[in-house]
Amino acid sequence: MAGSELTNVKSPRVKAARRLAKRAFREQDRKFLAEGPQAVREALKLEGVTLELFATAEAELRHPELITDATLKGIPLHRASGEVMAELSQTVTPQGLLAVCRLVHVPLDDALSGDPRLVAVLAHVRDPGNAGTVMRAADAAGADSVIFTDASVDPYNGKCVRASAGSLFHLPVAIGTPVAAAVRQLRERGLRVLAADGAGKHTLDDVDLSGPTAWIFGNEAWGLPEEVLAEADDVVRVPIYGQAESLNLATAAAVCLYSSARAQRVP
């Protein structure tokens, strides 16, 4: 059980966790924050990932199963005052639960081990909410892994972690690989590499998606750079049947990933 309540926002324990809001400190400490009951629940399922847990008294009452799970696993539990939780939280309305976790990404070779059939590649994606939602869509579509290239947002950004809704803990995630290197390894493993871009000559209706496929998704504002498009085997756009000018990145990614997932499952 938690000991005495943490009430000092300047205490060493609180400051050590709070600094993980910045990427440089996450990389230095090899830790990140997972906020909210869903993220904490999924983090606790992975052995050795959750290092400590902060919870308000109210959150302990609302989520006794998570508190019990953490306690049985010997994870240090700190009861935090509302003021301390507000200091640690990166949301307007804290949910009262926050875990300090070990970084979970894996080398690219490990992310592509086995026989992957569906992979999502984020290239030049800077918005953390979009990136996290793409991870969630990839997880839901049964993708084998997600690759964050070296020009993309940090998947451990607080908003990205929250937007993934726990999917960061579900599938292998590789980070920091240049696009060209990622494409080379994807091809070596037999995947066809498709770039999703509104300027694509072909639409989802035109291409055969039944084979192993890697989708490259780019920045929502300016799409994929020419050099990235040149790396792909084909450039494909999501057809727009109505009057919308375009789809946002996360929605387009979900459509592409589910189109592949469905095509791969049709007898």
Protein backbone atom coordinates (compact mmCIF):
# COMPACT_ATOMS: atom_id res chain seq x y z
CA MET A 1 0.00 0.00 0.00
CA ALA A 2 1.06 3.61 -0.43
CA GLY A 3 2.76 5.32 2.51
CA SER A 4 2.17 8.88 3.62
CA GLU A 5 0.71 11.18 1.01
CA LEU A 6 3.11 13.14 -1.21
CA THR A 7 2.15 16.78 -0.91
CA ASN A 8 5.34 18.66 -1.81
CA VAL A 9 5.60 19.35 -5.54
CA LYS A 10 9.31 20.09 -5.07
CA SER A 11 10.17 16.77 -3.45
CA PRO A 12 12.96 14.79 -5.20
CA ARG A 13 10.59 11.96 -6.13
CA VAL A 14 8.10 14.31 -7.78
CA LYS A 15 10.83 16.29 -9.55
CA ALA A 16 12.40 13.07 -10.87
CA ALA A 17 9.09 12.05 -12.43
CA ARG A 18 8.15 15.54 -13.63
CA ARG A 19 11.36 15.92 -15.63
CA LEU A 20 10.23 13.02 -17.83
CA ALA A 21 7.84 15.43 -19.53
CA LYS A 22 10.88 16.53 -21.57
CA ARG A 23 12.32 14.32 -24.30
CA ALA A 24 15.95 14.93 -23.38
CA PHE A 25 15.36 13.65 -19.85
CA ARG A 26 13.33 10.67 -21.08
CA GLU A 27 16.23 9.65 -23.27
CA GLN A 28 18.75 10.28 -20.49
CA ASP A 29 16.82 8.37 -17.81
CA ARG A 30 15.43 5.73 -20.20
CA LYS A 31 11.99 6.29 -18.66
CA PHE A 32 8.66 7.87 -19.60
CA LEU A 33 5.27 8.65 -18.09
CA ALA A 34 2.08 6.73 -18.80
CA GLU A 35 -0.96 8.62 -17.57
CA GLY A 36 -4.50 7.43 -16.95
CA PRO A 37 -6.03 4.06 -16.02
CA GLN A 38 -5.94 2.58 -19.53
CA ALA A 39 -2.25 3.28 -20.06
CA VAL A 40 -1.40 2.10 -16.54
CA ARG A 41 -3.44 -1.08 -16.99
CA GLU A 42 -1.62 -2.01 -20.19
CA ALA A 43 1.79 -1.08 -18.79
CA LEU A 44 1.24 -3.33 -15.79
CA LYS A 45 0.66 -6.30 -18.10
CA LEU A 46 4.27 -6.16 -19.30
CA GLU A 47 6.79 -7.64 -16.90
CA GLY A 48 9.34 -5.15 -15.62
CA VAL A 49 8.00 -2.12 -17.50
CA THR A 50 6.24 -0.23 -14.69
CA LEU A 51 8.82 1.14 -12.27
CA GLU A 52 6.59 3.12 -9.90
CA LEU A 53 3.01 4.32 -9.66
CA PHE A 54 1.54 7.59 -8.43
CA ALA A 55 -2.14 7.61 -7.42
CA THR A 56 -4.48 9.96 -5.64
CA ALA A 57 -6.66 8.58 -2.85
CA GLU A 58 -9.70 8.97 -5.11
CA ALA A 59 -8.03 7.03 -7.93
CA GLU A 60 -7.13 4.23 -5.53
CA LEU A 61 -10.82 3.88 -4.71
CA ARG A 62 -11.90 4.04 -8.36
CA HIS A 63 -9.32 1.52 -9.61
CA PRO A 64 -8.60 -0.92 -6.79
CA GLU A 65 -7.70 -3.69 -9.26
CA LEU A 66 -4.79 -1.66 -10.62
CA ILE A 67 -3.54 -0.78 -7.15
CA THR A 68 -3.74 -4.45 -6.13
CA ASP A 69 -1.94 -5.56 -9.29
CA ALA A 70 0.88 -3.07 -8.74
CA THR A 71 1.18 -4.04 -5.07
CA LEU A 72 1.34 -7.77 -5.82
CA LYS A 73 4.08 -7.11 -8.36
CA GLY A 74 6.12 -5.17 -5.83
CA ILE A 75 5.88 -1.89 -7.72
CA PRO A 76 6.41 1.14 -5.46
CA LEU A 77 3.11 2.97 -4.97
CA HIS A 78 3.05 6.63 -3.99
CA ARG A 79 -0.15 8.28 -2.85
CA ALA A 80 -0.15 11.78 -4.29
CA SER A 81 -2.15 14.85 -3.36
CA GLY A 82 -4.22 16.57 -6.01
CA GLU A 83 -1.61 19.31 -6.21
CA VAL A 84 1.21 16.83 -6.82
CA MET A 85 -0.80 14.96 -9.42
CA ALA A 86 -1.57 18.23 -11.21
CA GLU A 87 2.17 18.93 -11.26
CA LEU A 88 2.92 15.53 -12.77
CA SER A 89 -0.02 15.40 -15.17
CA GLN A 90 0.11 16.71 -18.72
CA THR A 91 -3.66 16.96 -19.02
CA VAL A 92 -6.11 19.67 -18.00
CA THR A 93 -8.10 17.23 -15.89
CA PRO A 94 -5.78 14.61 -14.31
CA GLN A 95 -7.26 11.13 -13.88
CA GLY A 96 -5.28 10.49 -10.72
CA LEU A 97 -3.09 7.63 -11.97
CA LEU A 98 0.38 7.93 -13.46
CA ALA A 99 3.08 5.33 -13.97
CA VAL A 100 6.80 5.80 -14.47
CA CYS A 101 7.76 3.22 -17.09
CA ARG A 102 10.85 1.82 -18.70
CA LEU A 103 11.22 2.62 -22.43
CA VAL A 104 9.64 -0.19 -24.45
CA HIS A 105 10.87 0.28 -28.04
CA VAL A 106 12.92 -2.42 -29.71
CA PRO A 107 15.60 -2.51 -32.43
CA LEU A 108 14.25 -2.51 -35.99
CA ASP A 109 15.44 -6.08 -36.54
CA ASP A 110 13.33 -7.23 -33.60
CA ALA A 111 10.31 -5.21 -34.73
CA LEU A 112 10.46 -6.98 -38.09
CA SER A 113 11.29 -10.45 -36.81
CA GLY A 114 9.24 -13.40 -37.93
CA ASP A 115 7.13 -12.91 -41.03
CA PRO A 116 5.47 -9.49 -40.72
CA ARG A 117 2.52 -8.92 -43.01
CA LEU A 118 1.41 -5.44 -42.01
CA VAL A 119 3.65 -2.62 -40.79
CA ALA A 120 2.98 1.09 -40.23
CA VAL A 121 5.84 3.53 -40.85
CA LEU A 122 5.59 7.11 -39.57
CA ALA A 123 7.82 9.44 -41.58
CA HIS A 124 8.02 13.14 -40.68
CA VAL A 125 4.92 12.83 -38.48
CA ARG A 126 5.25 15.62 -35.93
CA ASP A 127 1.85 15.79 -34.26
CA PRO A 128 1.87 13.49 -31.20
CA GLY A 129 -1.90 13.05 -31.16
CA ASN A 130 -1.90 11.83 -34.75
CA ALA A 131 1.08 9.56 -34.13
CA GLY A 132 -0.53 7.96 -31.10
CA THR A 133 -3.81 7.46 -32.95
CA VAL A 134 -1.97 5.79 -35.85
CA MET A 135 -0.38 3.40 -33.33
CA ARG A 136 -3.84 2.63 -31.97
CA ALA A 137 -5.22 2.04 -35.47
CA ALA A 138 -2.27 -0.18 -36.37
CA ASP A 139 -2.83 -2.22 -33.22
CA ALA A 140 -6.56 -2.55 -33.93
CA ALA A 141 -5.90 -3.60 -37.53
CA GLY A 142 -3.57 -6.36 -36.38
CA ALA A 143 -0.34 -4.78 -37.61
CA ASP A 144 2.87 -6.55 -36.67
CA SER A 145 4.83 -3.43 -35.76
CA VAL A 146 5.12 0.35 -36.00
CA ILE A 147 8.24 2.21 -37.08
CA PHE A 148 8.91 5.83 -36.09
CA THR A 149 11.56 7.19 -38.45
CA ASP A 150 14.24 9.59 -37.28
CA ALA A 151 12.30 12.69 -38.39
CA SER A 152 9.12 11.82 -36.48
CA VAL A 153 7.76 12.73 -33.07
CA ASP A 154 8.89 10.89 -29.96
CA PRO A 155 6.39 8.06 -29.27
CA TYR A 156 6.94 8.67 -25.54
CA ASN A 157 5.57 12.21 -25.77
CA GLY A 158 2.75 12.38 -23.21
CA LYS A 159 0.08 13.22 -25.76
CA CYS A 160 1.26 10.43 -28.04
CA VAL A 161 1.16 7.88 -25.21
CA ARG A 162 -2.37 8.93 -24.27
CA ALA A 163 -3.58 8.89 -27.88
CA SER A 164 -2.27 5.35 -28.33
CA ALA A 165 -4.73 4.24 -25.60
CA GLY A 166 -2.35 1.51 -24.43
CA SER A 167 -1.33 0.31 -27.90
CA LEU A 168 2.25 1.49 -27.29
CA PHE A 169 2.49 -1.52 -24.95
CA HIS A 170 0.88 -3.99 -27.36
CA LEU A 171 3.03 -4.17 -30.47
CA PRO A 172 6.73 -3.79 -31.27
CA VAL A 173 7.73 -0.17 -31.84
CA ALA A 174 11.06 0.81 -33.43
CA ILE A 175 12.31 4.40 -33.36
CA GLY A 176 14.96 6.59 -34.92
CA THR A 177 15.55 4.73 -38.19
CA PRO A 178 16.07 6.73 -41.42
CA VAL A 179 13.33 6.09 -43.98
CA ALA A 180 15.67 4.60 -46.57
CA ALA A 181 17.08 2.11 -44.04
CA ALA A 182 13.61 1.12 -42.89
CA VAL A 183 12.41 0.60 -46.47
CA ARG A 184 15.45 -1.51 -47.28
CA GLN A 185 14.81 -3.83 -44.36
CA LEU A 186 11.11 -4.02 -45.09
CA ARG A 187 11.82 -5.13 -48.65
CA GLU A 188 14.38 -7.66 -47.44
CA ARG A 189 11.58 -9.24 -45.43
CA GLY A 190 9.30 -9.43 -48.44
CA LEU A 191 6.97 -6.50 -47.78
CA ARG A 192 5.66 -4.24 -50.50
CA VAL A 193 6.16 -0.62 -49.45
CA LEU A 194 3.28 1.77 -50.16
CA ALA A 195 3.31 5.50 -49.47
CA ALA A 196 -0.04 7.00 -48.49
CA ASP A 197 -0.32 10.41 -50.13
CA GLY A 198 -3.15 12.50 -51.51
CA ALA A 199 -1.22 12.99 -54.73
CA GLY A 200 -0.95 9.26 -55.44
CA LYS A 201 -1.71 8.08 -58.98
CA HIS A 202 -3.54 5.03 -57.69
CA THR A 203 -6.31 4.73 -55.12
CA LEU A 204 -6.98 2.00 -52.59
CA ASP A 205 -9.52 0.64 -55.04
CA ASP A 206 -6.81 0.07 -57.65
CA VAL A 207 -4.15 -1.83 -55.73
CA ASP A 208 -3.86 -5.42 -54.56
CA LEU A 209 -3.36 -5.37 -50.81
CA SER A 210 -3.49 -9.09 -50.16
CA GLY A 211 0.25 -9.52 -49.75
CA PRO A 212 2.60 -8.38 -46.97
CA THR A 213 2.49 -4.59 -46.94
CA ALA A 214 4.19 -1.69 -45.19
CA TRP A 215 2.42 1.67 -45.27
CA ILE A 216 4.37 4.93 -44.99
CA PHE A 217 2.40 7.81 -43.48
CA GLY A 218 3.66 11.39 -43.52
CA ASN A 219 3.10 14.82 -42.08
CA GLU A 220 -0.54 15.92 -42.22
CA ALA A 221 0.24 19.50 -43.31
CA TRP A 222 2.66 18.86 -46.17
CA GLY A 223 2.53 15.13 -46.82
CA LEU A 224 5.58 13.05 -47.67
CA PRO A 225 8.78 14.58 -49.12
CA GLU A 226 9.69 13.64 -52.69
CA GLU A 227 12.67 11.61 -51.52
CA VAL A 228 10.39 9.48 -49.34
CA LEU A 229 7.84 9.00 -52.13
CA ALA A 230 10.70 7.86 -54.36
CA GLU A 231 11.56 5.11 -51.86
CA ALA A 232 8.10 3.53 -52.09
CA ASP A 233 7.00 0.83 -54.53
CA ASP A 234 3.82 2.79 -55.18
CA VAL A 235 2.08 5.96 -54.00
CA VAL A 236 -1.56 5.39 -53.07
CA ARG A 237 -4.32 7.78 -52.07
CA VAL A 238 -7.55 7.19 -50.19
CA PRO A 239 -10.42 7.91 -52.60
CA ILE A 240 -12.68 10.80 -51.63
CA TYR A 241 -16.25 10.05 -52.71
CA GLY A 242 -17.86 13.08 -51.11
CA GLN A 243 -16.98 16.76 -50.99
CA ALA A 244 -14.38 16.69 -48.19
CA GLU A 245 -11.07 18.22 -49.24
CA SER A 246 -9.10 15.47 -47.52
CA LEU A 247 -8.88 13.15 -44.53
CA ASN A 248 -6.69 13.83 -41.55
CA LEU A 249 -3.62 11.66 -41.13
CA ALA A 250 -4.94 9.32 -38.46
CA THR A 251 -8.20 8.68 -40.32
CA ALA A 252 -6.41 8.04 -43.62
CA ALA A 253 -3.97 5.70 -41.86
CA ALA A 254 -6.82 3.74 -40.29
CA VAL A 255 -8.51 3.34 -43.70
CA CYS A 256 -5.27 2.14 -45.32
CA LEU A 257 -4.37 -0.27 -42.54
CA TYR A 258 -7.85 -1.77 -42.36
CA SER A 259 -7.98 -2.10 -46.16
CA SER A 260 -4.80 -4.17 -45.98
CA ALA A 261 -6.01 -6.16 -42.99
CA ARG A 262 -9.26 -7.02 -44.73
CA ALA A 263 -7.59 -7.93 -48.01
CA GLN A 264 -5.16 -10.22 -46.21
CA ARG A 265 -8.01 -12.01 -44.44
CA VAL A 266 -10.33 -12.57 -47.40
CA PRO A 267 -10.05 -16.22 -48.57
